[in-house]
Amino acid sequence: MTYPEKPRSNVWFLLPIFFGVIGGIIAFFILRQDDPRKARNCLYLGIVFMIIGIIVNILIAASIPGIDSGFNVNI
């Protein structure tokens, strides 16, 4: 059964931008009946931001020098 498509606000794109893939899933389930195209785009946006976040975390973790096990503390 197809639902009539209602245009929804573009503010829904803020949900995956701020909350990543979780926000994209929430927006998808809310928008899927009213505006399926925008629902898919919100989900894709959340996935893209999750991948970008993982890549940035890997790059930051690679640039931090190794931590010594002793931390130079004498007890």
PDB file of N, CA and C in Angstrom:
ATOM      1  N   MET A   1       0.835  -1.167   0.000  1.00  0.00           N
ATOM      2  CA  MET A   1       0.000   0.000   0.000  1.00  0.00           C
ATOM      3  C   MET A   1       0.889   1.243   0.000  1.00  0.00           C
ATOM      4  N   THR A   2       0.632   2.145  -0.914  1.00  0.00           N
ATOM      5  CA  THR A   2       1.427   3.361  -0.978  1.00  0.00           C
ATOM      6  C   THR A   2       0.715   4.486  -0.246  1.00  0.00           C
ATOM      7  N   TYR A   3       1.503   5.287   0.389  1.00  0.00           N
ATOM      8  CA  TYR A   3       0.974   6.415   1.136  1.00  0.00           C
ATOM      9  C   TYR A   3       1.164   7.688   0.310  1.00  0.00           C
ATOM     10  N   PRO A   4       0.261   8.625   0.410  1.00  0.00           N
ATOM     11  CA  PRO A   4       0.478   9.888  -0.291  1.00  0.00           C
ATOM     12  C   PRO A   4       1.666  10.619   0.324  1.00  0.00           C
ATOM     13  N   GLU A   5       2.485  11.150  -0.541  1.00  0.00           N
ATOM     14  CA  GLU A   5       3.709  11.779  -0.063  1.00  0.00           C
ATOM     15  C   GLU A   5       3.428  13.210   0.389  1.00  0.00           C
ATOM     16  N   LYS A   6       3.755  13.480   1.663  1.00  0.00           N
ATOM     17  CA  LYS A   6       3.626  14.826   2.215  1.00  0.00           C
ATOM     18  C   LYS A   6       5.027  15.411   2.328  1.00  0.00           C
ATOM     19  N   PRO A   7       5.216  16.620   1.860  1.00  0.00           N
ATOM     20  CA  PRO A   7       6.546  17.219   2.033  1.00  0.00           C
ATOM     21  C   PRO A   7       6.798  17.510   3.512  1.00  0.00           C
ATOM     22  N   ARG A   8       7.959  17.116   3.984  1.00  0.00           N
ATOM     23  CA  ARG A   8       8.347  17.361   5.374  1.00  0.00           C
ATOM     24  C   ARG A   8       9.472  18.381   5.404  1.00  0.00           C
ATOM     25  N   SER A   9       9.646  19.008   6.528  1.00  0.00           N
ATOM     26  CA  SER A   9      10.636  20.064   6.694  1.00  0.00           C
ATOM     27  C   SER A   9      12.059  19.515   6.544  1.00  0.00           C
ATOM     28  N   ASN A  10      12.945  20.363   6.069  1.00  0.00           N
ATOM     29  CA  ASN A  10      14.357  19.978   5.955  1.00  0.00           C
ATOM     30  C   ASN A  10      15.065  19.985   7.304  1.00  0.00           C
ATOM     31  N   VAL A  11      14.386  20.421   8.333  1.00  0.00           N
ATOM     32  CA  VAL A  11      14.966  20.414   9.678  1.00  0.00           C
ATOM     33  C   VAL A  11      15.232  18.979  10.134  1.00  0.00           C
ATOM     34  N   TRP A  12      14.559  18.019   9.545  1.00  0.00           N
ATOM     35  CA  TRP A  12      14.770  16.612   9.898  1.00  0.00           C
ATOM     36  C   TRP A  12      16.194  16.164   9.613  1.00  0.00           C
ATOM     37  N   PHE A  13      16.890  16.865   8.724  1.00  0.00           N
ATOM     38  CA  PHE A  13      18.278  16.502   8.433  1.00  0.00           C
ATOM     39  C   PHE A  13      19.210  16.827   9.597  1.00  0.00           C
ATOM     40  N   LEU A  14      18.767  17.659  10.524  1.00  0.00           N
ATOM     41  CA  LEU A  14      19.602  17.962  11.686  1.00  0.00           C
ATOM     42  C   LEU A  14      19.728  16.768  12.626  1.00  0.00           C
ATOM     43  N   LEU A  15      18.734  15.902  12.638  1.00  0.00           N
ATOM     44  CA  LEU A  15      18.777  14.741  13.531  1.00  0.00           C
ATOM     45  C   LEU A  15      19.978  13.829  13.221  1.00  0.00           C
ATOM     46  N   PRO A  16      20.184  13.399  11.971  1.00  0.00           N
ATOM     47  CA  PRO A  16      21.380  12.583  11.714  1.00  0.00           C
ATOM     48  C   PRO A  16      22.681  13.373  11.794  1.00  0.00           C
ATOM     49  N   ILE A  17      22.625  14.689  11.582  1.00  0.00           N
ATOM     50  CA  ILE A  17      23.853  15.473  11.682  1.00  0.00           C
ATOM     51  C   ILE A  17      24.338  15.504  13.130  1.00  0.00           C
ATOM     52  N   PHE A  18      23.422  15.685  14.081  1.00  0.00           N
ATOM     53  CA  PHE A  18      23.832  15.777  15.484  1.00  0.00           C
ATOM     54  C   PHE A  18      23.960  14.416  16.169  1.00  0.00           C
ATOM     55  N   PHE A  19      23.183  13.418  15.750  1.00  0.00           N
ATOM     56  CA  PHE A  19      23.178  12.136  16.449  1.00  0.00           C
ATOM     57  C   PHE A  19      23.666  10.970  15.598  1.00  0.00           C
ATOM     58  N   GLY A  20      24.176  11.239  14.410  1.00  0.00           N
ATOM     59  CA  GLY A  20      24.771  10.200  13.578  1.00  0.00           C
ATOM     60  C   GLY A  20      23.777   9.157  13.108  1.00  0.00           C
ATOM     61  N   VAL A  21      24.199   7.919  13.154  1.00  0.00           N
ATOM     62  CA  VAL A  21      23.375   6.838  12.612  1.00  0.00           C
ATOM     63  C   VAL A  21      22.116   6.613  13.447  1.00  0.00           C
ATOM     64  N   ILE A  22      22.173   6.863  14.743  1.00  0.00           N
ATOM     65  CA  ILE A  22      20.985   6.721  15.584  1.00  0.00           C
ATOM     66  C   ILE A  22      19.933   7.766  15.173  1.00  0.00           C
ATOM     67  N   GLY A  23      20.368   9.003  14.958  1.00  0.00           N
ATOM     68  CA  GLY A  23      19.454  10.037  14.496  1.00  0.00           C
ATOM     69  C   GLY A  23      18.897   9.730  13.115  1.00  0.00           C
ATOM     70  N   GLY A  24      19.722   9.130  12.250  1.00  0.00           N
ATOM     71  CA  GLY A  24      19.253   8.745  10.930  1.00  0.00           C
ATOM     72  C   GLY A  24      18.192   7.659  10.986  1.00  0.00           C
ATOM     73  N   ILE A  25      18.373   6.708  11.884  1.00  0.00           N
ATOM     74  CA  ILE A  25      17.378   5.635  12.041  1.00  0.00           C
ATOM     75  C   ILE A  25      16.077   6.200  12.598  1.00  0.00           C
ATOM     76  N   ILE A  26      16.176   7.085  13.579  1.00  0.00           N
ATOM     77  CA  ILE A  26      14.972   7.696  14.148  1.00  0.00           C
ATOM     78  C   ILE A  26      14.229   8.491  13.080  1.00  0.00           C
ATOM     79  N   ALA A  27      14.969   9.319  12.328  1.00  0.00           N
ATOM     80  CA  ALA A  27      14.337  10.113  11.272  1.00  0.00           C
ATOM     81  C   ALA A  27      13.731   9.213  10.199  1.00  0.00           C
ATOM     82  N   PHE A  28      14.403   8.110   9.892  1.00  0.00           N
ATOM     83  CA  PHE A  28      13.882   7.193   8.878  1.00  0.00           C
ATOM     84  C   PHE A  28      12.529   6.630   9.293  1.00  0.00           C
ATOM     85  N   PHE A  29      12.439   6.151  10.523  1.00  0.00           N
ATOM     86  CA  PHE A  29      11.186   5.543  10.957  1.00  0.00           C
ATOM     87  C   PHE A  29      10.061   6.569  11.117  1.00  0.00           C
ATOM     88  N   ILE A  30      10.392   7.811  11.406  1.00  0.00           N
ATOM     89  CA  ILE A  30       9.362   8.835  11.519  1.00  0.00           C
ATOM     90  C   ILE A  30       8.900   9.298  10.135  1.00  0.00           C
ATOM     91  N   LEU A  31       9.818   9.429   9.197  1.00  0.00           N
ATOM     92  CA  LEU A  31       9.502  10.005   7.890  1.00  0.00           C
ATOM     93  C   LEU A  31       9.134   8.983   6.816  1.00  0.00           C
ATOM     94  N   ARG A  32       9.332   7.709   7.052  1.00  0.00           N
ATOM     95  CA  ARG A  32       9.229   6.726   5.976  1.00  0.00           C
ATOM     96  C   ARG A  32       7.861   6.679   5.306  1.00  0.00           C
ATOM     97  N   GLN A  33       6.784   6.994   5.992  1.00  0.00           N
ATOM     98  CA  GLN A  33       5.466   6.933   5.371  1.00  0.00           C
ATOM     99  C   GLN A  33       5.085   8.251   4.703  1.00  0.00           C
ATOM    100  N   ASP A  34       5.524   9.363   5.262  1.00  0.00           N
ATOM    101  CA  ASP A  34       5.158  10.670   4.710  1.00  0.00           C
ATOM    102  C   ASP A  34       6.060  11.078   3.552  1.00  0.00           C
ATOM    103  N   ASP A  35       7.357  10.885   3.696  1.00  0.00           N
ATOM    104  CA  ASP A  35       8.317  11.312   2.677  1.00  0.00           C
ATOM    105  C   ASP A  35       9.441  10.275   2.596  1.00  0.00           C
ATOM    106  N   PRO A  36       9.232   9.181   1.845  1.00  0.00           N
ATOM    107  CA  PRO A  36      10.223   8.097   1.830  1.00  0.00           C
ATOM    108  C   PRO A  36      11.591   8.515   1.284  1.00  0.00           C
ATOM    109  N   ARG A  37      11.610   9.444   0.351  1.00  0.00           N
ATOM    110  CA  ARG A  37      12.895   9.873  -0.206  1.00  0.00           C
ATOM    111  C   ARG A  37      13.723  10.600   0.846  1.00  0.00           C
ATOM    112  N   LYS A  38      13.104  11.496   1.584  1.00  0.00           N
ATOM    113  CA  LYS A  38      13.807  12.219   2.641  1.00  0.00           C
ATOM    114  C   LYS A  38      14.209  11.269   3.772  1.00  0.00           C
ATOM    115  N   ALA A  39      13.388  10.250   4.023  1.00  0.00           N
ATOM    116  CA  ALA A  39      13.713   9.265   5.061  1.00  0.00           C
ATOM    117  C   ALA A  39      14.984   8.506   4.690  1.00  0.00           C
ATOM    118  N   ARG A  40      15.085   8.069   3.438  1.00  0.00           N
ATOM    119  CA  ARG A  40      16.292   7.367   2.982  1.00  0.00           C
ATOM    120  C   ARG A  40      17.508   8.278   3.045  1.00  0.00           C
ATOM    121  N   ASN A  41      17.341   9.526   2.632  1.00  0.00           N
ATOM    122  CA  ASN A  41      18.462  10.461   2.659  1.00  0.00           C
ATOM    123  C   ASN A  41      18.941  10.734   4.081  1.00  0.00           C
ATOM    124  N   CYS A  42      18.027  10.803   5.036  1.00  0.00           N
ATOM    125  CA  CYS A  42      18.420  10.986   6.437  1.00  0.00           C
ATOM    126  C   CYS A  42      19.207   9.778   6.933  1.00  0.00           C
ATOM    127  N   LEU A  43      18.771   8.596   6.554  1.00  0.00           N
ATOM    128  CA  LEU A  43      19.482   7.381   6.957  1.00  0.00           C
ATOM    129  C   LEU A  43      20.877   7.346   6.342  1.00  0.00           C
ATOM    130  N   TYR A  44      20.975   7.675   5.054  1.00  0.00           N
ATOM    131  CA  TYR A  44      22.284   7.703   4.388  1.00  0.00           C
ATOM    132  C   TYR A  44      23.193   8.759   5.004  1.00  0.00           C
ATOM    133  N   LEU A  45      22.635   9.909   5.353  1.00  0.00           N
ATOM    134  CA  LEU A  45      23.424  10.967   5.974  1.00  0.00           C
ATOM    135  C   LEU A  45      23.978  10.517   7.331  1.00  0.00           C
ATOM    136  N   GLY A  46      23.153   9.811   8.102  1.00  0.00           N
ATOM    137  CA  GLY A  46      23.623   9.288   9.384  1.00  0.00           C
ATOM    138  C   GLY A  46      24.741   8.281   9.214  1.00  0.00           C
ATOM    139  N   ILE A  47      24.652   7.427   8.200  1.00  0.00           N
ATOM    140  CA  ILE A  47      25.698   6.429   7.939  1.00  0.00           C
ATOM    141  C   ILE A  47      26.987   7.120   7.498  1.00  0.00           C
ATOM    142  N   VAL A  48      26.868   8.142   6.642  1.00  0.00           N
ATOM    143  CA  VAL A  48      28.052   8.872   6.177  1.00  0.00           C
ATOM    144  C   VAL A  48      28.748   9.557   7.340  1.00  0.00           C
ATOM    145  N   PHE A  49      27.989  10.202   8.223  1.00  0.00           N
ATOM    146  CA  PHE A  49      28.606  10.863   9.375  1.00  0.00           C
ATOM    147  C   PHE A  49      29.235   9.855  10.335  1.00  0.00           C
ATOM    148  N   MET A  50      28.668   8.666  10.438  1.00  0.00           N
ATOM    149  CA  MET A  50      29.280   7.645  11.282  1.00  0.00           C
ATOM    150  C   MET A  50      30.632   7.222  10.700  1.00  0.00           C
ATOM    151  N   ILE A  51      30.694   7.024   9.390  1.00  0.00           N
ATOM    152  CA  ILE A  51      31.942   6.620   8.742  1.00  0.00           C
ATOM    153  C   ILE A  51      32.994   7.723   8.868  1.00  0.00           C
ATOM    154  N   ILE A  52      32.575   8.981   8.676  1.00  0.00           N
ATOM    155  CA  ILE A  52      33.504  10.101   8.829  1.00  0.00           C
ATOM    156  C   ILE A  52      34.031  10.168  10.264  1.00  0.00           C
ATOM    157  N   GLY A  53      33.166   9.944  11.241  1.00  0.00           N
ATOM    158  CA  GLY A  53      33.589   9.946  12.644  1.00  0.00           C
ATOM    159  C   GLY A  53      34.590   8.851  12.952  1.00  0.00           C
ATOM    160  N   ILE A  54      34.379   7.669  12.393  1.00  0.00           N
ATOM    161  CA  ILE A  54      35.320   6.564  12.606  1.00  0.00           C
ATOM    162  C   ILE A  54      36.678   6.894  12.002  1.00  0.00           C
ATOM    163  N   ILE A  55      36.672   7.461  10.782  1.00  0.00           N
ATOM    164  CA  ILE A  55      37.937   7.808  10.132  1.00  0.00           C
ATOM    165  C   ILE A  55      38.679   8.880  10.917  1.00  0.00           C
ATOM    166  N   VAL A  56      37.964   9.894  11.393  1.00  0.00           N
ATOM    167  CA  VAL A  56      38.599  10.953  12.174  1.00  0.00           C
ATOM    168  C   VAL A  56      39.167  10.382  13.473  1.00  0.00           C
ATOM    169  N   ASN A  57      38.450   9.499  14.139  1.00  0.00           N
ATOM    170  CA  ASN A  57      38.956   8.892  15.375  1.00  0.00           C
ATOM    171  C   ASN A  57      40.208   8.061  15.119  1.00  0.00           C
ATOM    172  N   ILE A  58      40.247   7.341  14.013  1.00  0.00           N
ATOM    173  CA  ILE A  58      41.442   6.552  13.684  1.00  0.00           C
ATOM    174  C   ILE A  58      42.623   7.469  13.424  1.00  0.00           C
ATOM    175  N   LEU A  59      42.398   8.560  12.700  1.00  0.00           N
ATOM    176  CA  LEU A  59      43.495   9.491  12.418  1.00  0.00           C
ATOM    177  C   LEU A  59      44.003  10.159  13.689  1.00  0.00           C
ATOM    178  N   ILE A  60      43.109  10.519  14.581  1.00  0.00           N
ATOM    179  CA  ILE A  60      43.531  11.143  15.839  1.00  0.00           C
ATOM    180  C   ILE A  60      44.279  10.134  16.708  1.00  0.00           C
ATOM    181  N   ALA A  61      43.779   8.908  16.772  1.00  0.00           N
ATOM    182  CA  ALA A  61      44.441   7.889  17.589  1.00  0.00           C
ATOM    183  C   ALA A  61      45.817   7.538  17.034  1.00  0.00           C
ATOM    184  N   ALA A  62      45.992   7.614  15.729  1.00  0.00           N
ATOM    185  CA  ALA A  62      47.285   7.296  15.130  1.00  0.00           C
ATOM    186  C   ALA A  62      48.304   8.404  15.384  1.00  0.00           C
ATOM    187  N   SER A  63      47.850   9.629  15.602  1.00  0.00           N
ATOM    188  CA  SER A  63      48.784  10.729  15.798  1.00  0.00           C
ATOM    189  C   SER A  63      49.225  10.881  17.254  1.00  0.00           C
ATOM    190  N   ILE A  64      48.567  10.220  18.190  1.00  0.00           N
ATOM    191  CA  ILE A  64      48.942  10.294  19.604  1.00  0.00           C
ATOM    192  C   ILE A  64      50.110   9.347  19.847  1.00  0.00           C
ATOM    193  N   PRO A  65      51.194   9.848  20.435  1.00  0.00           N
ATOM    194  CA  PRO A  65      52.323   8.951  20.711  1.00  0.00           C
ATOM    195  C   PRO A  65      51.953   7.902  21.759  1.00  0.00           C
ATOM    196  N   GLY A  66      52.656   6.801  21.740  1.00  0.00           N
ATOM    197  CA  GLY A  66      52.382   5.709  22.666  1.00  0.00           C
ATOM    198  C   GLY A  66      52.561   6.110  24.118  1.00  0.00           C
ATOM    199  N   ILE A  67      51.767   5.547  24.985  1.00  0.00           N
ATOM    200  CA  ILE A  67      51.834   5.841  26.415  1.00  0.00           C
ATOM    201  C   ILE A  67      52.669   4.747  27.079  1.00  0.00           C
ATOM    202  N   ASP A  68      53.644   5.158  27.878  1.00  0.00           N
ATOM    203  CA  ASP A  68      54.467   4.194  28.601  1.00  0.00           C
ATOM    204  C   ASP A  68      53.650   3.558  29.711  1.00  0.00           C
ATOM    205  N   SER A  69      53.979   2.327  30.022  1.00  0.00           N
ATOM    206  CA  SER A  69      53.212   1.632  31.043  1.00  0.00           C
ATOM    207  C   SER A  69      53.483   2.169  32.445  1.00  0.00           C
ATOM    208  N   GLY A  70      54.646   2.775  32.673  1.00  0.00           N
ATOM    209  CA  GLY A  70      55.003   3.263  34.001  1.00  0.00           C
ATOM    210  C   GLY A  70      54.532   4.666  34.297  1.00  0.00           C
ATOM    211  N   PHE A  71      54.277   5.467  33.296  1.00  0.00           N
ATOM    212  CA  PHE A  71      53.883   6.860  33.445  1.00  0.00           C
ATOM    213  C   PHE A  71      54.922   7.659  34.240  1.00  0.00           C
ATOM    214  N   ASN A  72      56.152   7.159  34.354  1.00  0.00           N
ATOM    215  CA  ASN A  72      57.233   7.805  35.084  1.00  0.00           C
ATOM    216  C   ASN A  72      56.852   8.138  36.519  1.00  0.00           C
ATOM    217  N   VAL A  73      56.213   7.206  37.204  1.00  0.00           N
ATOM    218  CA  VAL A  73      55.814   7.389  38.588  1.00  0.00           C
ATOM    219  C   VAL A  73      56.615   6.429  39.441  1.00  0.00           C
ATOM    220  N   ASN A  74      57.266   6.959  40.480  1.00  0.00           N
ATOM    221  CA  ASN A  74      58.030   6.109  41.402  1.00  0.00           C
ATOM    222  C   ASN A  74      57.273   5.980  42.701  1.00  0.00           C
ATOM    223  N   ILE A  75      56.995   4.748  43.079  1.00  0.00           N
ATOM    224  CA  ILE A  75      56.279   4.518  44.331  1.00  0.00           C
ATOM    225  C   ILE A  75      57.175   3.787  45.284  1.00  0.00           C
TER     226      ILE A  75
END
